[in-house]
Amino acid sequence: MSGTYASSGNPILAYRSLLQEGAETKALARVAKEPDVQRSMDQFTKAVSQAKDIKTALKDPRIMGVLLTAMGLSDAVSQSGLATRALMSNLDDTKSLANNLTDSRWKAAAKSLNLYSKGLDALKDPALQATLKEGLQRAKWYEKLDGDVAGLSDSLSFKDKASTAKDVYTVLGDPILRRVVTGALGLPSTIAIQSVETQARAVTSRLDLAKLQNPKEVQKLIERYLTNKDQSSTNTTTNLLAQYGFTV
């Protein structure tokens, strides 16, 4: 793991180690040397050069896989139809799909890629390809982090984007903001089946959202999230062992 305290099993120490100066840069540099990231980008650029138009390009898993992973949407790789419509959204049209999905990542991705206006030329842009490569590297690093300590990647992302949450609906509309805030507050995952208004009240009654503009308060939330997540994982493991007759 990239953190100093991986073997300790302490999620707070593991997270704090990632905040040390140069830790992220060094970790991403190590990932950049791994061949699978470059292989994915090589396949991406080849597929883009062979595509006739943007719609054909988005049907190619070599292209869509890179786009979704690099844009933080790897959990939607199996939803190619929705992904194509969302990424091709005209954001000036209030009725477009990206503008109406509750998951705000789609709107952010559509804006960054600008496929509606630039089409296939957007994917051929060296600057965008460099951004996508960096996104792949970060996704791979995050995967490694969560393999060591669950919740580390969410914590790093939350630190960077917490200040963008201007209201509770921004929090609820972003999976990472939602997971960290609700996890820190100890709200059950089943809250998601309730109305968005009920969810909003559950959050705002427990958290002053102005604190998301304060780095020290954000740090406290992250550490509460990691502690709660670690405790939940420990309880789950203990319960499973108990089911099979083991004592802890």
C-alpha atoms as a PDB file:
ATOM      1  CA  MET A   1       0.000   0.000   0.000  1.00  0.00           C
ATOM      2  CA  SER A   2       1.044   3.620  -0.531  1.00  0.00           C
ATOM      3  CA  GLY A   3       0.413   4.518   3.101  1.00  0.00           C
ATOM      4  CA  THR A   4       2.874   4.039   5.947  1.00  0.00           C
ATOM      5  CA  TYR A   5       0.402   2.326   8.236  1.00  0.00           C
ATOM      6  CA  ALA A   6      -1.067  -0.349   6.011  1.00  0.00           C
ATOM      7  CA  SER A   7       0.005  -3.198   8.260  1.00  0.00           C
ATOM      8  CA  SER A   8      -1.343  -1.570  11.406  1.00  0.00           C
ATOM      9  CA  GLY A   9      -4.939  -1.954  10.302  1.00  0.00           C
ATOM     10  CA  ASN A  10      -5.694   1.501  11.703  1.00  0.00           C
ATOM     11  CA  PRO A  11      -7.762   3.374   9.095  1.00  0.00           C
ATOM     12  CA  ILE A  12      -7.095   6.800  10.625  1.00  0.00           C
ATOM     13  CA  LEU A  13      -3.322   6.353  10.543  1.00  0.00           C
ATOM     14  CA  ALA A  14      -3.537   4.917   7.043  1.00  0.00           C
ATOM     15  CA  TYR A  15      -5.493   7.949   5.842  1.00  0.00           C
ATOM     16  CA  ARG A  16      -3.203  10.442   7.555  1.00  0.00           C
ATOM     17  CA  SER A  17      -0.176   8.805   5.963  1.00  0.00           C
ATOM     18  CA  LEU A  18      -1.674   9.568   2.541  1.00  0.00           C
ATOM     19  CA  LEU A  19      -1.808  13.270   3.431  1.00  0.00           C
ATOM     20  CA  GLN A  20       1.945  13.490   3.899  1.00  0.00           C
ATOM     21  CA  GLU A  21       3.677  15.747   1.415  1.00  0.00           C
ATOM     22  CA  GLY A  22       4.491  13.926  -1.811  1.00  0.00           C
ATOM     23  CA  ALA A  23       2.659  10.704  -0.857  1.00  0.00           C
ATOM     24  CA  GLU A  24       0.050  10.994  -3.609  1.00  0.00           C
ATOM     25  CA  THR A  25       2.562  12.029  -6.271  1.00  0.00           C
ATOM     26  CA  LYS A  26       4.824   9.086  -5.469  1.00  0.00           C
ATOM     27  CA  ALA A  27       1.916   6.637  -5.448  1.00  0.00           C
ATOM     28  CA  LEU A  28       0.606   7.794  -8.824  1.00  0.00           C
ATOM     29  CA  ALA A  29       4.124   7.683 -10.259  1.00  0.00           C
ATOM     30  CA  ARG A  30       4.403   4.036  -9.232  1.00  0.00           C
ATOM     31  CA  VAL A  31       1.052   3.208 -10.813  1.00  0.00           C
ATOM     32  CA  ALA A  32       2.073   5.008 -14.013  1.00  0.00           C
ATOM     33  CA  LYS A  33       4.875   2.486 -14.480  1.00  0.00           C
ATOM     34  CA  GLU A  34       2.485  -0.459 -14.490  1.00  0.00           C
ATOM     35  CA  PRO A  35       1.872  -1.770 -18.019  1.00  0.00           C
ATOM     36  CA  ASP A  36      -1.894  -2.291 -17.883  1.00  0.00           C
ATOM     37  CA  VAL A  37      -2.688   1.442 -17.746  1.00  0.00           C
ATOM     38  CA  GLN A  38      -0.625   2.164 -20.856  1.00  0.00           C
ATOM     39  CA  ARG A  39      -2.096  -0.936 -22.522  1.00  0.00           C
ATOM     40  CA  SER A  40      -5.615   0.349 -21.926  1.00  0.00           C
ATOM     41  CA  MET A  41      -4.709   3.751 -23.369  1.00  0.00           C
ATOM     42  CA  ASP A  42      -3.063   2.182 -26.404  1.00  0.00           C
ATOM     43  CA  GLN A  43      -6.213   0.174 -27.061  1.00  0.00           C
ATOM     44  CA  PHE A  44      -8.289   3.308 -26.540  1.00  0.00           C
ATOM     45  CA  THR A  45      -6.357   5.423 -29.043  1.00  0.00           C
ATOM     46  CA  LYS A  46      -6.370   2.608 -31.595  1.00  0.00           C
ATOM     47  CA  ALA A  47     -10.125   2.158 -31.249  1.00  0.00           C
ATOM     48  CA  VAL A  48     -10.696   5.916 -31.542  1.00  0.00           C
ATOM     49  CA  SER A  49      -8.643   6.066 -34.745  1.00  0.00           C
ATOM     50  CA  GLN A  50     -10.723   3.249 -36.233  1.00  0.00           C
ATOM     51  CA  ALA A  51     -14.143   4.639 -35.244  1.00  0.00           C
ATOM     52  CA  LYS A  52     -16.283   6.233 -37.953  1.00  0.00           C
ATOM     53  CA  ASP A  53     -18.141   8.576 -35.605  1.00  0.00           C
ATOM     54  CA  ILE A  54     -18.787   9.223 -31.927  1.00  0.00           C
ATOM     55  CA  LYS A  55     -21.758   6.853 -31.690  1.00  0.00           C
ATOM     56  CA  THR A  56     -19.673   4.013 -33.134  1.00  0.00           C
ATOM     57  CA  ALA A  57     -16.851   4.886 -30.769  1.00  0.00           C
ATOM     58  CA  LEU A  58     -19.037   4.714 -27.685  1.00  0.00           C
ATOM     59  CA  LYS A  59     -20.167   1.212 -28.627  1.00  0.00           C
ATOM     60  CA  ASP A  60     -16.563   0.000 -28.374  1.00  0.00           C
ATOM     61  CA  PRO A  61     -15.817  -1.386 -24.869  1.00  0.00           C
ATOM     62  CA  ARG A  62     -12.155  -0.359 -25.258  1.00  0.00           C
ATOM     63  CA  ILE A  63     -13.310   3.243 -25.424  1.00  0.00           C
ATOM     64  CA  MET A  64     -16.237   3.199 -23.048  1.00  0.00           C
ATOM     65  CA  GLY A  65     -14.266   1.287 -20.425  1.00  0.00           C
ATOM     66  CA  VAL A  66     -11.545   3.921 -20.355  1.00  0.00           C
ATOM     67  CA  LEU A  67     -14.003   6.819 -20.324  1.00  0.00           C
ATOM     68  CA  LEU A  68     -16.085   5.491 -17.450  1.00  0.00           C
ATOM     69  CA  THR A  69     -13.147   4.327 -15.347  1.00  0.00           C
ATOM     70  CA  ALA A  70     -11.186   7.538 -15.837  1.00  0.00           C
ATOM     71  CA  MET A  71     -14.231   9.675 -15.056  1.00  0.00           C
ATOM     72  CA  GLY A  72     -14.964   7.819 -11.806  1.00  0.00           C
ATOM     73  CA  LEU A  73     -17.900   5.868 -13.229  1.00  0.00           C
ATOM     74  CA  SER A  74     -16.461   2.360 -13.384  1.00  0.00           C
ATOM     75  CA  ASP A  75     -19.527   1.040 -11.552  1.00  0.00           C
ATOM     76  CA  ALA A  76     -21.563   1.871 -14.683  1.00  0.00           C
ATOM     77  CA  VAL A  77     -19.486  -0.113 -17.198  1.00  0.00           C
ATOM     78  CA  SER A  78     -22.337  -2.598 -17.642  1.00  0.00           C
ATOM     79  CA  GLN A  79     -24.802   0.240 -18.402  1.00  0.00           C
ATOM     80  CA  SER A  80     -23.509   1.128 -21.857  1.00  0.00           C
ATOM     81  CA  GLY A  81     -26.860   2.394 -23.146  1.00  0.00           C
ATOM     82  CA  LEU A  82     -27.392   4.808 -20.279  1.00  0.00           C
ATOM     83  CA  ALA A  83     -23.729   5.822 -20.384  1.00  0.00           C
ATOM     84  CA  THR A  84     -23.885   6.704 -24.084  1.00  0.00           C
ATOM     85  CA  ARG A  85     -27.001   8.831 -23.660  1.00  0.00           C
ATOM     86  CA  ALA A  86     -25.671  10.566 -20.562  1.00  0.00           C
ATOM     87  CA  LEU A  87     -22.229  11.334 -21.950  1.00  0.00           C
ATOM     88  CA  MET A  88     -23.744  12.636 -25.182  1.00  0.00           C
ATOM     89  CA  SER A  89     -26.145  14.923 -23.337  1.00  0.00           C
ATOM     90  CA  ASN A  90     -26.620  18.508 -24.442  1.00  0.00           C
ATOM     91  CA  LEU A  91     -26.192  20.259 -21.117  1.00  0.00           C
ATOM     92  CA  ASP A  92     -27.923  23.373 -22.464  1.00  0.00           C
ATOM     93  CA  ASP A  93     -31.084  21.277 -22.693  1.00  0.00           C
ATOM     94  CA  THR A  94     -32.691  21.013 -19.277  1.00  0.00           C
ATOM     95  CA  LYS A  95     -34.456  17.842 -20.417  1.00  0.00           C
ATOM     96  CA  SER A  96     -31.265  16.011 -21.392  1.00  0.00           C
ATOM     97  CA  LEU A  97     -30.466  12.839 -19.487  1.00  0.00           C
ATOM     98  CA  ALA A  98     -27.347  14.052 -17.674  1.00  0.00           C
ATOM     99  CA  ASN A  99     -29.248  17.072 -16.401  1.00  0.00           C
ATOM    100  CA  ASN A 100     -31.943  14.855 -14.910  1.00  0.00           C
ATOM    101  CA  LEU A 101     -30.031  11.965 -13.387  1.00  0.00           C
ATOM    102  CA  THR A 102     -29.774  12.147  -9.611  1.00  0.00           C
ATOM    103  CA  ASP A 103     -26.158  10.967  -9.839  1.00  0.00           C
ATOM    104  CA  SER A 104     -24.297  14.210 -10.522  1.00  0.00           C
ATOM    105  CA  ARG A 105     -21.215  12.381 -11.802  1.00  0.00           C
ATOM    106  CA  TRP A 106     -22.863  12.013 -15.205  1.00  0.00           C
ATOM    107  CA  LYS A 107     -23.322  15.735 -15.649  1.00  0.00           C
ATOM    108  CA  ALA A 108     -19.744  16.379 -14.573  1.00  0.00           C
ATOM    109  CA  ALA A 109     -18.448  13.764 -17.012  1.00  0.00           C
ATOM    110  CA  ALA A 110     -20.546  15.083 -19.902  1.00  0.00           C
ATOM    111  CA  LYS A 111     -19.225  18.573 -19.229  1.00  0.00           C
ATOM    112  CA  SER A 112     -15.593  17.461 -19.040  1.00  0.00           C
ATOM    113  CA  LEU A 113     -15.723  15.308 -22.177  1.00  0.00           C
ATOM    114  CA  ASN A 114     -17.910  17.684 -24.217  1.00  0.00           C
ATOM    115  CA  LEU A 115     -18.857  14.902 -26.636  1.00  0.00           C
ATOM    116  CA  TYR A 116     -22.114  16.577 -27.634  1.00  0.00           C
ATOM    117  CA  SER A 117     -20.290  19.523 -29.198  1.00  0.00           C
ATOM    118  CA  LYS A 118     -16.978  17.990 -30.292  1.00  0.00           C
ATOM    119  CA  GLY A 119     -17.964  14.406 -31.045  1.00  0.00           C
ATOM    120  CA  LEU A 120     -15.129  12.095 -32.051  1.00  0.00           C
ATOM    121  CA  ASP A 121     -12.656  14.994 -32.169  1.00  0.00           C
ATOM    122  CA  ALA A 122     -12.934  15.266 -28.390  1.00  0.00           C
ATOM    123  CA  LEU A 123     -11.619  11.720 -27.981  1.00  0.00           C
ATOM    124  CA  LYS A 124      -8.727  12.409 -30.367  1.00  0.00           C
ATOM    125  CA  ASP A 125      -7.586  15.454 -28.387  1.00  0.00           C
ATOM    126  CA  PRO A 126      -4.138  14.717 -26.840  1.00  0.00           C
ATOM    127  CA  ALA A 127      -5.002  16.887 -23.825  1.00  0.00           C
ATOM    128  CA  LEU A 128      -8.136  14.856 -23.095  1.00  0.00           C
ATOM    129  CA  GLN A 129      -6.248  11.602 -23.600  1.00  0.00           C
ATOM    130  CA  ALA A 130      -3.654  12.749 -21.053  1.00  0.00           C
ATOM    131  CA  THR A 131      -6.469  13.552 -18.618  1.00  0.00           C
ATOM    132  CA  LEU A 132      -8.012  10.133 -19.172  1.00  0.00           C
ATOM    133  CA  LYS A 133      -4.680   8.406 -18.594  1.00  0.00           C
ATOM    134  CA  GLU A 134      -4.267  10.255 -15.322  1.00  0.00           C
ATOM    135  CA  GLY A 135      -7.808   9.244 -14.397  1.00  0.00           C
ATOM    136  CA  LEU A 136      -6.999   5.582 -15.064  1.00  0.00           C
ATOM    137  CA  GLN A 137      -3.910   5.821 -12.897  1.00  0.00           C
ATOM    138  CA  ARG A 138      -5.868   7.367 -10.056  1.00  0.00           C
ATOM    139  CA  ALA A 139      -8.626   4.730 -10.359  1.00  0.00           C
ATOM    140  CA  LYS A 140      -6.046   1.956 -10.141  1.00  0.00           C
ATOM    141  CA  TRP A 141      -4.416   3.576  -7.127  1.00  0.00           C
ATOM    142  CA  TYR A 142      -7.776   3.984  -5.418  1.00  0.00           C
ATOM    143  CA  GLU A 143      -8.538   0.320  -6.054  1.00  0.00           C
ATOM    144  CA  LYS A 144      -5.280  -0.646  -4.366  1.00  0.00           C
ATOM    145  CA  LEU A 145      -6.009   1.618  -1.394  1.00  0.00           C
ATOM    146  CA  ASP A 146      -9.451   0.150  -0.802  1.00  0.00           C
ATOM    147  CA  GLY A 147      -7.935  -3.316  -1.034  1.00  0.00           C
ATOM    148  CA  ASP A 148      -5.865  -2.412   2.025  1.00  0.00           C
ATOM    149  CA  VAL A 149      -8.300  -0.274   4.012  1.00  0.00           C
ATOM    150  CA  ALA A 150     -11.921   0.112   2.963  1.00  0.00           C
ATOM    151  CA  GLY A 151     -13.008   3.687   2.474  1.00  0.00           C
ATOM    152  CA  LEU A 152      -9.616   5.273   1.813  1.00  0.00           C
ATOM    153  CA  SER A 153     -10.389   6.272  -1.774  1.00  0.00           C
ATOM    154  CA  ASP A 154     -13.731   7.789  -0.755  1.00  0.00           C
ATOM    155  CA  SER A 155     -11.942   9.715   1.969  1.00  0.00           C
ATOM    156  CA  LEU A 156      -9.384  11.233  -0.406  1.00  0.00           C
ATOM    157  CA  SER A 157     -12.053  12.155  -2.942  1.00  0.00           C
ATOM    158  CA  PHE A 158     -14.261  13.629  -0.245  1.00  0.00           C
ATOM    159  CA  LYS A 159     -11.421  15.808   1.009  1.00  0.00           C
ATOM    160  CA  ASP A 160     -11.055  17.318  -2.460  1.00  0.00           C
ATOM    161  CA  LYS A 161     -14.722  17.822  -3.271  1.00  0.00           C
ATOM    162  CA  ALA A 162     -16.444  18.476   0.069  1.00  0.00           C
ATOM    163  CA  SER A 163     -16.332  22.242  -0.420  1.00  0.00           C
ATOM    164  CA  THR A 164     -18.341  21.913  -3.656  1.00  0.00           C
ATOM    165  CA  ALA A 165     -21.393  20.782  -1.682  1.00  0.00           C
ATOM    166  CA  LYS A 166     -23.466  23.954  -1.471  1.00  0.00           C
ATOM    167  CA  ASP A 167     -26.611  22.216  -0.230  1.00  0.00           C
ATOM    168  CA  VAL A 168     -27.827  18.851   1.002  1.00  0.00           C
ATOM    169  CA  TYR A 169     -29.056  17.802  -2.434  1.00  0.00           C
ATOM    170  CA  THR A 170     -25.546  18.172  -3.808  1.00  0.00           C
ATOM    171  CA  VAL A 171     -24.410  15.787  -1.095  1.00  0.00           C
ATOM    172  CA  LEU A 172     -27.156  13.277  -1.829  1.00  0.00           C
ATOM    173  CA  GLY A 173     -26.571  13.492  -5.583  1.00  0.00           C
ATOM    174  CA  ASP A 174     -22.906  12.556  -5.426  1.00  0.00           C
ATOM    175  CA  PRO A 175     -22.187   8.930  -4.403  1.00  0.00           C
ATOM    176  CA  ILE A 176     -18.915   9.765  -2.671  1.00  0.00           C
ATOM    177  CA  LEU A 177     -20.251  12.748  -0.747  1.00  0.00           C
ATOM    178  CA  ARG A 178     -23.297  10.687   0.194  1.00  0.00           C
ATOM    179  CA  ARG A 179     -21.301   7.678   1.392  1.00  0.00           C
ATOM    180  CA  VAL A 180     -18.907   9.670   3.542  1.00  0.00           C
ATOM    181  CA  VAL A 181     -21.503  11.990   5.063  1.00  0.00           C
ATOM    182  CA  THR A 182     -24.090   9.312   5.802  1.00  0.00           C
ATOM    183  CA  GLY A 183     -21.366   6.944   6.970  1.00  0.00           C
ATOM    184  CA  ALA A 184     -19.889   9.544   9.302  1.00  0.00           C
ATOM    185  CA  LEU A 185     -23.330  10.337  10.683  1.00  0.00           C
ATOM    186  CA  GLY A 186     -24.085   6.656  11.211  1.00  0.00           C
ATOM    187  CA  LEU A 187     -27.119   6.693   8.940  1.00  0.00           C
ATOM    188  CA  PRO A 188     -28.090   3.243   7.581  1.00  0.00           C
ATOM    189  CA  SER A 189     -27.737   2.489   3.859  1.00  0.00           C
ATOM    190  CA  THR A 190     -31.476   1.748   3.810  1.00  0.00           C
ATOM    191  CA  ILE A 191     -32.092   5.486   4.022  1.00  0.00           C
ATOM    192  CA  ALA A 192     -31.731   5.435   0.230  1.00  0.00           C
ATOM    193  CA  ILE A 193     -35.204   3.898  -0.151  1.00  0.00           C
ATOM    194  CA  GLN A 194     -36.800   6.894   1.544  1.00  0.00           C
ATOM    195  CA  SER A 195     -37.836  10.061  -0.256  1.00  0.00           C
ATOM    196  CA  VAL A 196     -35.065  12.521  -1.036  1.00  0.00           C
ATOM    197  CA  GLU A 197     -36.755  15.058   1.246  1.00  0.00           C
ATOM    198  CA  THR A 198     -36.661  12.589   4.153  1.00  0.00           C
ATOM    199  CA  GLN A 199     -33.015  11.837   3.416  1.00  0.00           C
ATOM    200  CA  ALA A 200     -32.244  15.544   3.312  1.00  0.00           C
ATOM    201  CA  ARG A 201     -33.849  16.090   6.723  1.00  0.00           C
ATOM    202  CA  ALA A 202     -31.928  13.156   8.190  1.00  0.00           C
ATOM    203  CA  VAL A 203     -28.647  14.716   7.073  1.00  0.00           C
ATOM    204  CA  THR A 204     -29.315  18.360   7.896  1.00  0.00           C
ATOM    205  CA  SER A 205     -30.695  17.542  11.338  1.00  0.00           C
ATOM    206  CA  ARG A 206     -27.351  15.946  12.181  1.00  0.00           C
ATOM    207  CA  LEU A 207     -24.863  18.072  10.248  1.00  0.00           C
ATOM    208  CA  ASP A 208     -24.374  21.771   9.647  1.00  0.00           C
ATOM    209  CA  LEU A 209     -23.418  21.724   5.968  1.00  0.00           C
ATOM    210  CA  ALA A 210     -21.388  24.896   6.429  1.00  0.00           C
ATOM    211  CA  LYS A 211     -18.794  22.648   8.059  1.00  0.00           C
ATOM    212  CA  LEU A 212     -18.010  21.192   4.635  1.00  0.00           C
ATOM    213  CA  GLN A 213     -16.306  24.500   3.838  1.00  0.00           C
ATOM    214  CA  ASN A 214     -13.941  24.049   6.775  1.00  0.00           C
ATOM    215  CA  PRO A 215     -10.969  21.696   6.139  1.00  0.00           C
ATOM    216  CA  LYS A 216     -10.673  20.827   9.839  1.00  0.00           C
ATOM    217  CA  GLU A 217     -14.344  19.841  10.026  1.00  0.00           C
ATOM    218  CA  VAL A 218     -14.000  17.860   6.812  1.00  0.00           C
ATOM    219  CA  GLN A 219     -11.075  15.992   8.376  1.00  0.00           C
ATOM    220  CA  LYS A 220     -13.208  15.152  11.420  1.00  0.00           C
ATOM    221  CA  LEU A 221     -16.009  13.828   9.206  1.00  0.00           C
ATOM    222  CA  ILE A 222     -13.604  11.685   7.226  1.00  0.00           C
ATOM    223  CA  GLU A 223     -12.115  10.159  10.348  1.00  0.00           C
ATOM    224  CA  ARG A 224     -15.584   9.451  11.763  1.00  0.00           C
ATOM    225  CA  TYR A 225     -16.493   7.799   8.460  1.00  0.00           C
ATOM    226  CA  LEU A 226     -13.394   5.602   8.489  1.00  0.00           C
ATOM    227  CA  THR A 227     -13.901   4.664  12.144  1.00  0.00           C
ATOM    228  CA  ASN A 228     -17.546   3.739  11.590  1.00  0.00           C
ATOM    229  CA  LYS A 229     -16.705   1.792   8.453  1.00  0.00           C
ATOM    230  CA  ASP A 230     -13.950  -0.114  10.224  1.00  0.00           C
ATOM    231  CA  GLN A 231     -16.271  -0.896  13.141  1.00  0.00           C
ATOM    232  CA  SER A 232     -19.004  -2.079  10.773  1.00  0.00           C
ATOM    233  CA  SER A 233     -16.543  -4.359   9.010  1.00  0.00           C
ATOM    234  CA  THR A 234     -15.316  -5.766  12.315  1.00  0.00           C
ATOM    235  CA  ASN A 235     -18.869  -6.455  13.473  1.00  0.00           C
ATOM    236  CA  THR A 236     -19.701  -8.187  10.203  1.00  0.00           C
ATOM    237  CA  THR A 237     -16.639 -10.416  10.465  1.00  0.00           C
ATOM    238  CA  THR A 238     -17.409 -11.248  14.097  1.00  0.00           C
ATOM    239  CA  ASN A 239     -20.990 -12.176  13.241  1.00  0.00           C
ATOM    240  CA  LEU A 240     -19.869 -14.419  10.377  1.00  0.00           C
ATOM    241  CA  LEU A 241     -17.369 -16.209  12.592  1.00  0.00           C
ATOM    242  CA  ALA A 242     -20.047 -16.685  15.235  1.00  0.00           C
ATOM    243  CA  GLN A 243     -22.361 -18.278  12.669  1.00  0.00           C
ATOM    244  CA  TYR A 244     -19.718 -20.949  12.046  1.00  0.00           C
ATOM    245  CA  GLY A 245     -19.068 -21.592  15.729  1.00  0.00           C
ATOM    246  CA  PHE A 246     -15.881 -19.559  16.121  1.00  0.00           C
ATOM    247  CA  THR A 247     -15.355 -17.234  19.058  1.00  0.00           C
ATOM    248  CA  VAL A 248     -13.478 -13.950  18.878  1.00  0.00           C
END
